[in-house]
Amino acid sequence: MKDIDRLTIAKCQLGRKIRDKRSTSSLPAAVDLLLSRPIVSAQMVAKAVRITPRGALNLVTNSACAR
């Protein structure tokens, strides 16, 4: 039950970050991927969102650090 609560809170927090982004941002697709799988690599994000692996790493790092 705690895991479901944690995921719900994470989804809400990341949802707030998504609202402030441009409509062409890759962040919403990356957030969906991050919440749908227990382990995600930068390569997986890059492939799913169609950006470079370095861009995916920056996207995940910035979304995790910016609160």
PDB file of N, CA and C in Angstrom:
ATOM      1  N   MET A   1       0.810  -1.185   0.000  1.00  0.00           N
ATOM      2  CA  MET A   1       0.000   0.000   0.000  1.00  0.00           C
ATOM      3  C   MET A   1       0.867   1.269   0.000  1.00  0.00           C
ATOM      4  N   LYS A   2       2.003   1.220   0.716  1.00  0.00           N
ATOM      5  CA  LYS A   2       2.887   2.380   0.769  1.00  0.00           C
ATOM      6  C   LYS A   2       3.482   2.682  -0.600  1.00  0.00           C
ATOM      7  N   ASP A   3       3.768   1.624  -1.370  1.00  0.00           N
ATOM      8  CA  ASP A   3       4.333   1.837  -2.708  1.00  0.00           C
ATOM      9  C   ASP A   3       3.348   2.555  -3.618  1.00  0.00           C
ATOM     10  N   ILE A   4       2.094   2.202  -3.521  1.00  0.00           N
ATOM     11  CA  ILE A   4       1.068   2.855  -4.337  1.00  0.00           C
ATOM     12  C   ILE A   4       0.948   4.322  -3.935  1.00  0.00           C
ATOM     13  N   ASP A   5       0.985   4.588  -2.647  1.00  0.00           N
ATOM     14  CA  ASP A   5       0.926   5.970  -2.171  1.00  0.00           C
ATOM     15  C   ASP A   5       2.129   6.767  -2.665  1.00  0.00           C
ATOM     16  N   ARG A   6       3.312   6.159  -2.602  1.00  0.00           N
ATOM     17  CA  ARG A   6       4.521   6.841  -3.078  1.00  0.00           C
ATOM     18  C   ARG A   6       4.439   7.156  -4.557  1.00  0.00           C
ATOM     19  N   LEU A   7       3.958   6.209  -5.349  1.00  0.00           N
ATOM     20  CA  LEU A   7       3.825   6.435  -6.788  1.00  0.00           C
ATOM     21  C   LEU A   7       2.790   7.519  -7.089  1.00  0.00           C
ATOM     22  N   THR A   8       1.726   7.529  -6.329  1.00  0.00           N
ATOM     23  CA  THR A   8       0.697   8.553  -6.515  1.00  0.00           C
ATOM     24  C   THR A   8       1.249   9.944  -6.194  1.00  0.00           C
ATOM     25  N   ILE A   9       1.992  10.046  -5.121  1.00  0.00           N
ATOM     26  CA  ILE A   9       2.596  11.325  -4.754  1.00  0.00           C
ATOM     27  C   ILE A   9       3.616  11.750  -5.806  1.00  0.00           C
ATOM     28  N   ALA A  10       4.430  10.814  -6.257  1.00  0.00           N
ATOM     29  CA  ALA A  10       5.433  11.127  -7.284  1.00  0.00           C
ATOM     30  C   ALA A  10       4.760  11.604  -8.567  1.00  0.00           C
ATOM     31  N   LYS A  11       3.676  10.943  -8.942  1.00  0.00           N
ATOM     32  CA  LYS A  11       2.957  11.337 -10.156  1.00  0.00           C
ATOM     33  C   LYS A  11       2.390  12.749 -10.023  1.00  0.00           C
ATOM     34  N   CYS A  12       1.863  13.074  -8.860  1.00  0.00           N
ATOM     35  CA  CYS A  12       1.324  14.423  -8.634  1.00  0.00           C
ATOM     36  C   CYS A  12       2.429  15.471  -8.687  1.00  0.00           C
ATOM     37  N   GLN A  13       3.559  15.188  -8.048  1.00  0.00           N
ATOM     38  CA  GLN A  13       4.665  16.142  -8.040  1.00  0.00           C
ATOM     39  C   GLN A  13       5.229  16.350  -9.441  1.00  0.00           C
ATOM     40  N   LEU A  14       5.409  15.268 -10.168  1.00  0.00           N
ATOM     41  CA  LEU A  14       5.921  15.387 -11.535  1.00  0.00           C
ATOM     42  C   LEU A  14       4.890  16.037 -12.449  1.00  0.00           C
ATOM     43  N   GLY A  15       3.612  15.813 -12.162  1.00  0.00           N
ATOM     44  CA  GLY A  15       2.551  16.453 -12.940  1.00  0.00           C
ATOM     45  C   GLY A  15       2.596  17.963 -12.833  1.00  0.00           C
ATOM     46  N   ARG A  16       2.968  18.465 -11.646  1.00  0.00           N
ATOM     47  CA  ARG A  16       3.112  19.908 -11.475  1.00  0.00           C
ATOM     48  C   ARG A  16       4.249  20.459 -12.315  1.00  0.00           C
ATOM     49  N   LYS A  17       5.318  19.686 -12.432  1.00  0.00           N
ATOM     50  CA  LYS A  17       6.458  20.122 -13.247  1.00  0.00           C
ATOM     51  C   LYS A  17       6.104  20.121 -14.730  1.00  0.00           C
ATOM     52  N   ILE A  18       5.279  19.174 -15.129  1.00  0.00           N
ATOM     53  CA  ILE A  18       4.898  19.058 -16.536  1.00  0.00           C
ATOM     54  C   ILE A  18       4.057  20.253 -16.967  1.00  0.00           C
ATOM     55  N   ARG A  19       3.193  20.732 -16.095  1.00  0.00           N
ATOM     56  CA  ARG A  19       2.306  21.840 -16.447  1.00  0.00           C
ATOM     57  C   ARG A  19       3.052  23.094 -16.866  1.00  0.00           C
ATOM     58  N   ASP A  20       4.228  23.297 -16.310  1.00  0.00           N
ATOM     59  CA  ASP A  20       4.994  24.503 -16.604  1.00  0.00           C
ATOM     60  C   ASP A  20       5.884  24.379 -17.836  1.00  0.00           C
ATOM     61  N   LYS A  21       5.890  23.244 -18.479  1.00  0.00           N
ATOM     62  CA  LYS A  21       6.770  23.018 -19.620  1.00  0.00           C
ATOM     63  C   LYS A  21       6.075  23.358 -20.929  1.00  0.00           C
ATOM     64  N   ARG A  22       6.878  23.509 -21.946  1.00  0.00           N
ATOM     65  CA  ARG A  22       6.344  23.777 -23.287  1.00  0.00           C
ATOM     66  C   ARG A  22       5.590  22.559 -23.806  1.00  0.00           C
ATOM     67  N   SER A  23       4.735  22.781 -24.762  1.00  0.00           N
ATOM     68  CA  SER A  23       3.946  21.676 -25.318  1.00  0.00           C
ATOM     69  C   SER A  23       4.815  20.702 -26.093  1.00  0.00           C
ATOM     70  N   THR A  24       5.984  21.128 -26.537  1.00  0.00           N
ATOM     71  CA  THR A  24       6.881  20.246 -27.288  1.00  0.00           C
ATOM     72  C   THR A  24       7.898  19.544 -26.397  1.00  0.00           C
ATOM     73  N   SER A  25       7.789  19.711 -25.083  1.00  0.00           N
ATOM     74  CA  SER A  25       8.736  19.113 -24.146  1.00  0.00           C
ATOM     75  C   SER A  25       8.633  17.585 -24.169  1.00  0.00           C
ATOM     76  N   SER A  26       9.762  16.942 -23.965  1.00  0.00           N
ATOM     77  CA  SER A  26       9.812  15.479 -23.888  1.00  0.00           C
ATOM     78  C   SER A  26       9.531  14.987 -22.479  1.00  0.00           C
ATOM     79  N   LEU A  27       9.431  15.893 -21.536  1.00  0.00           N
ATOM     80  CA  LEU A  27       9.245  15.517 -20.139  1.00  0.00           C
ATOM     81  C   LEU A  27       7.976  14.704 -19.869  1.00  0.00           C
ATOM     82  N   PRO A  28       6.811  15.050 -20.421  1.00  0.00           N
ATOM     83  CA  PRO A  28       5.621  14.234 -20.133  1.00  0.00           C
ATOM     84  C   PRO A  28       5.774  12.769 -20.534  1.00  0.00           C
ATOM     85  N   ALA A  29       6.353  12.514 -21.682  1.00  0.00           N
ATOM     86  CA  ALA A  29       6.549  11.124 -22.115  1.00  0.00           C
ATOM     87  C   ALA A  29       7.569  10.426 -21.222  1.00  0.00           C
ATOM     88  N   ALA A  30       8.596  11.148 -20.810  1.00  0.00           N
ATOM     89  CA  ALA A  30       9.607  10.565 -19.923  1.00  0.00           C
ATOM     90  C   ALA A  30       8.999  10.229 -18.558  1.00  0.00           C
ATOM     91  N   VAL A  31       8.151  11.096 -18.047  1.00  0.00           N
ATOM     92  CA  VAL A  31       7.497  10.848 -16.757  1.00  0.00           C
ATOM     93  C   VAL A  31       6.604   9.612 -16.847  1.00  0.00           C
ATOM     94  N   ASP A  32       5.850   9.477 -17.919  1.00  0.00           N
ATOM     95  CA  ASP A  32       5.006   8.288 -18.095  1.00  0.00           C
ATOM     96  C   ASP A  32       5.844   7.023 -18.090  1.00  0.00           C
ATOM     97  N   LEU A  33       6.975   7.062 -18.765  1.00  0.00           N
ATOM     98  CA  LEU A  33       7.858   5.902 -18.809  1.00  0.00           C
ATOM     99  C   LEU A  33       8.441   5.612 -17.434  1.00  0.00           C
ATOM    100  N   LEU A  34       8.882   6.644 -16.738  1.00  0.00           N
ATOM    101  CA  LEU A  34       9.470   6.460 -15.406  1.00  0.00           C
ATOM    102  C   LEU A  34       8.482   5.857 -14.418  1.00  0.00           C
ATOM    103  N   LEU A  35       7.234   6.251 -14.520  1.00  0.00           N
ATOM    104  CA  LEU A  35       6.229   5.734 -13.588  1.00  0.00           C
ATOM    105  C   LEU A  35       5.684   4.368 -13.991  1.00  0.00           C
ATOM    106  N   SER A  36       5.901   3.966 -15.230  1.00  0.00           N
ATOM    107  CA  SER A  36       5.346   2.691 -15.684  1.00  0.00           C
ATOM    108  C   SER A  36       6.291   1.511 -15.505  1.00  0.00           C
ATOM    109  N   ARG A  37       7.560   1.778 -15.241  1.00  0.00           N
ATOM    110  CA  ARG A  37       8.543   0.711 -15.108  1.00  0.00           C
ATOM    111  C   ARG A  37       9.345   0.891 -13.823  1.00  0.00           C
ATOM    112  N   PRO A  38       9.699  -0.227 -13.177  1.00  0.00           N
ATOM    113  CA  PRO A  38      10.453  -0.102 -11.923  1.00  0.00           C
ATOM    114  C   PRO A  38      11.895   0.384 -12.126  1.00  0.00           C
ATOM    115  N   ILE A  39      12.516   0.008 -13.223  1.00  0.00           N
ATOM    116  CA  ILE A  39      13.887   0.425 -13.510  1.00  0.00           C
ATOM    117  C   ILE A  39      13.931   0.967 -14.930  1.00  0.00           C
ATOM    118  N   VAL A  40      14.490   2.178 -15.064  1.00  0.00           N
ATOM    119  CA  VAL A  40      14.562   2.828 -16.370  1.00  0.00           C
ATOM    120  C   VAL A  40      15.969   3.373 -16.561  1.00  0.00           C
ATOM    121  N   SER A  41      16.546   3.104 -17.720  1.00  0.00           N
ATOM    122  CA  SER A  41      17.865   3.650 -18.040  1.00  0.00           C
ATOM    123  C   SER A  41      17.703   4.872 -18.938  1.00  0.00           C
ATOM    124  N   ALA A  42      18.774   5.638 -19.041  1.00  0.00           N
ATOM    125  CA  ALA A  42      18.755   6.805 -19.931  1.00  0.00           C
ATOM    126  C   ALA A  42      18.550   6.355 -21.374  1.00  0.00           C
ATOM    127  N   GLN A  43      19.103   5.213 -21.723  1.00  0.00           N
ATOM    128  CA  GLN A  43      18.947   4.682 -23.084  1.00  0.00           C
ATOM    129  C   GLN A  43      17.482   4.347 -23.369  1.00  0.00           C
ATOM    130  N   MET A  44      16.785   3.792 -22.392  1.00  0.00           N
ATOM    131  CA  MET A  44      15.368   3.465 -22.571  1.00  0.00           C
ATOM    132  C   MET A  44      14.542   4.741 -22.760  1.00  0.00           C
ATOM    133  N   VAL A  45      14.841   5.756 -21.959  1.00  0.00           N
ATOM    134  CA  VAL A  45      14.127   7.027 -22.089  1.00  0.00           C
ATOM    135  C   VAL A  45      14.411   7.642 -23.455  1.00  0.00           C
ATOM    136  N   ALA A  46      15.675   7.619 -23.854  1.00  0.00           N
ATOM    137  CA  ALA A  46      16.062   8.202 -25.144  1.00  0.00           C
ATOM    138  C   ALA A  46      15.321   7.532 -26.298  1.00  0.00           C
ATOM    139  N   LYS A  47      15.233   6.222 -26.245  1.00  0.00           N
ATOM    140  CA  LYS A  47      14.563   5.488 -27.318  1.00  0.00           C
ATOM    141  C   LYS A  47      13.058   5.768 -27.329  1.00  0.00           C
ATOM    142  N   ALA A  48      12.444   5.789 -26.158  1.00  0.00           N
ATOM    143  CA  ALA A  48      10.995   5.992 -26.073  1.00  0.00           C
ATOM    144  C   ALA A  48      10.589   7.418 -26.445  1.00  0.00           C
ATOM    145  N   VAL A  49      11.410   8.385 -26.062  1.00  0.00           N
ATOM    146  CA  VAL A  49      11.067   9.788 -26.261  1.00  0.00           C
ATOM    147  C   VAL A  49      11.683  10.339 -27.546  1.00  0.00           C
ATOM    148  N   ARG A  50      12.571   9.557 -28.139  1.00  0.00           N
ATOM    149  CA  ARG A  50      13.250   9.925 -29.391  1.00  0.00           C
ATOM    150  C   ARG A  50      14.139  11.153 -29.237  1.00  0.00           C
ATOM    151  N   ILE A  51      14.990  11.071 -28.212  1.00  0.00           N
ATOM    152  CA  ILE A  51      16.011  12.084 -28.016  1.00  0.00           C
ATOM    153  C   ILE A  51      17.345  11.365 -27.823  1.00  0.00           C
ATOM    154  N   THR A  52      18.425  12.120 -27.731  1.00  0.00           N
ATOM    155  CA  THR A  52      19.736  11.498 -27.550  1.00  0.00           C
ATOM    156  C   THR A  52      19.854  10.938 -26.132  1.00  0.00           C
ATOM    157  N   PRO A  53      20.724   9.954 -25.938  1.00  0.00           N
ATOM    158  CA  PRO A  53      20.920   9.424 -24.582  1.00  0.00           C
ATOM    159  C   PRO A  53      21.377  10.501 -23.589  1.00  0.00           C
ATOM    160  N   ARG A  54      22.223  11.420 -24.028  1.00  0.00           N
ATOM    161  CA  ARG A  54      22.660  12.502 -23.146  1.00  0.00           C
ATOM    162  C   ARG A  54      21.489  13.427 -22.804  1.00  0.00           C
ATOM    163  N   GLY A  55      20.648  13.695 -23.787  1.00  0.00           N
ATOM    164  CA  GLY A  55      19.463  14.506 -23.543  1.00  0.00           C
ATOM    165  C   GLY A  55      18.528  13.841 -22.556  1.00  0.00           C
ATOM    166  N   ALA A  56      18.383  12.526 -22.662  1.00  0.00           N
ATOM    167  CA  ALA A  56      17.536  11.778 -21.736  1.00  0.00           C
ATOM    168  C   ALA A  56      18.104  11.835 -20.324  1.00  0.00           C
ATOM    169  N   LEU A  57      19.417  11.707 -20.221  1.00  0.00           N
ATOM    170  CA  LEU A  57      20.062  11.785 -18.913  1.00  0.00           C
ATOM    171  C   LEU A  57      19.855  13.160 -18.290  1.00  0.00           C
ATOM    172  N   ASN A  58      20.007  14.201 -19.080  1.00  0.00           N
ATOM    173  CA  ASN A  58      19.767  15.565 -18.594  1.00  0.00           C
ATOM    174  C   ASN A  58      18.312  15.757 -18.183  1.00  0.00           C
ATOM    175  N   LEU A  59      17.396  15.214 -18.969  1.00  0.00           N
ATOM    176  CA  LEU A  59      15.964  15.344 -18.683  1.00  0.00           C
ATOM    177  C   LEU A  59      15.620  14.692 -17.351  1.00  0.00           C
ATOM    178  N   VAL A  60      16.116  13.487 -17.137  1.00  0.00           N
ATOM    179  CA  VAL A  60      15.829  12.766 -15.892  1.00  0.00           C
ATOM    180  C   VAL A  60      16.496  13.459 -14.710  1.00  0.00           C
ATOM    181  N   THR A  61      17.739  13.895 -14.893  1.00  0.00           N
ATOM    182  CA  THR A  61      18.459  14.576 -13.820  1.00  0.00           C
ATOM    183  C   THR A  61      17.771  15.873 -13.428  1.00  0.00           C
ATOM    184  N   ASN A  62      17.396  16.665 -14.410  1.00  0.00           N
ATOM    185  CA  ASN A  62      16.741  17.944 -14.125  1.00  0.00           C
ATOM    186  C   ASN A  62      15.370  17.757 -13.497  1.00  0.00           C
ATOM    187  N   SER A  63      14.637  16.756 -13.928  1.00  0.00           N
ATOM    188  CA  SER A  63      13.302  16.541 -13.353  1.00  0.00           C
ATOM    189  C   SER A  63      13.402  16.018 -11.938  1.00  0.00           C
ATOM    190  N   ALA A  64      14.454  15.281 -11.626  1.00  0.00           N
ATOM    191  CA  ALA A  64      14.616  14.744 -10.277  1.00  0.00           C
ATOM    192  C   ALA A  64      15.138  15.798  -9.304  1.00  0.00           C
ATOM    193  N   CYS A  65      15.973  16.701  -9.795  1.00  0.00           N
ATOM    194  CA  CYS A  65      16.597  17.690  -8.921  1.00  0.00           C
ATOM    195  C   CYS A  65      15.731  18.923  -8.725  1.00  0.00           C
ATOM    196  N   ALA A  66      14.976  19.299  -9.729  1.00  0.00           N
ATOM    197  CA  ALA A  66      14.165  20.521  -9.640  1.00  0.00           C
ATOM    198  C   ALA A  66      12.912  20.248  -8.828  1.00  0.00           C
ATOM    199  N   ARG A  67      12.795  20.908  -7.695  1.00  0.00           N
ATOM    200  CA  ARG A  67      11.616  20.690  -6.856  1.00  0.00           C
ATOM    201  C   ARG A  67      10.872  21.939  -6.653  1.00  0.00           C
TER     202      ARG A  67
END
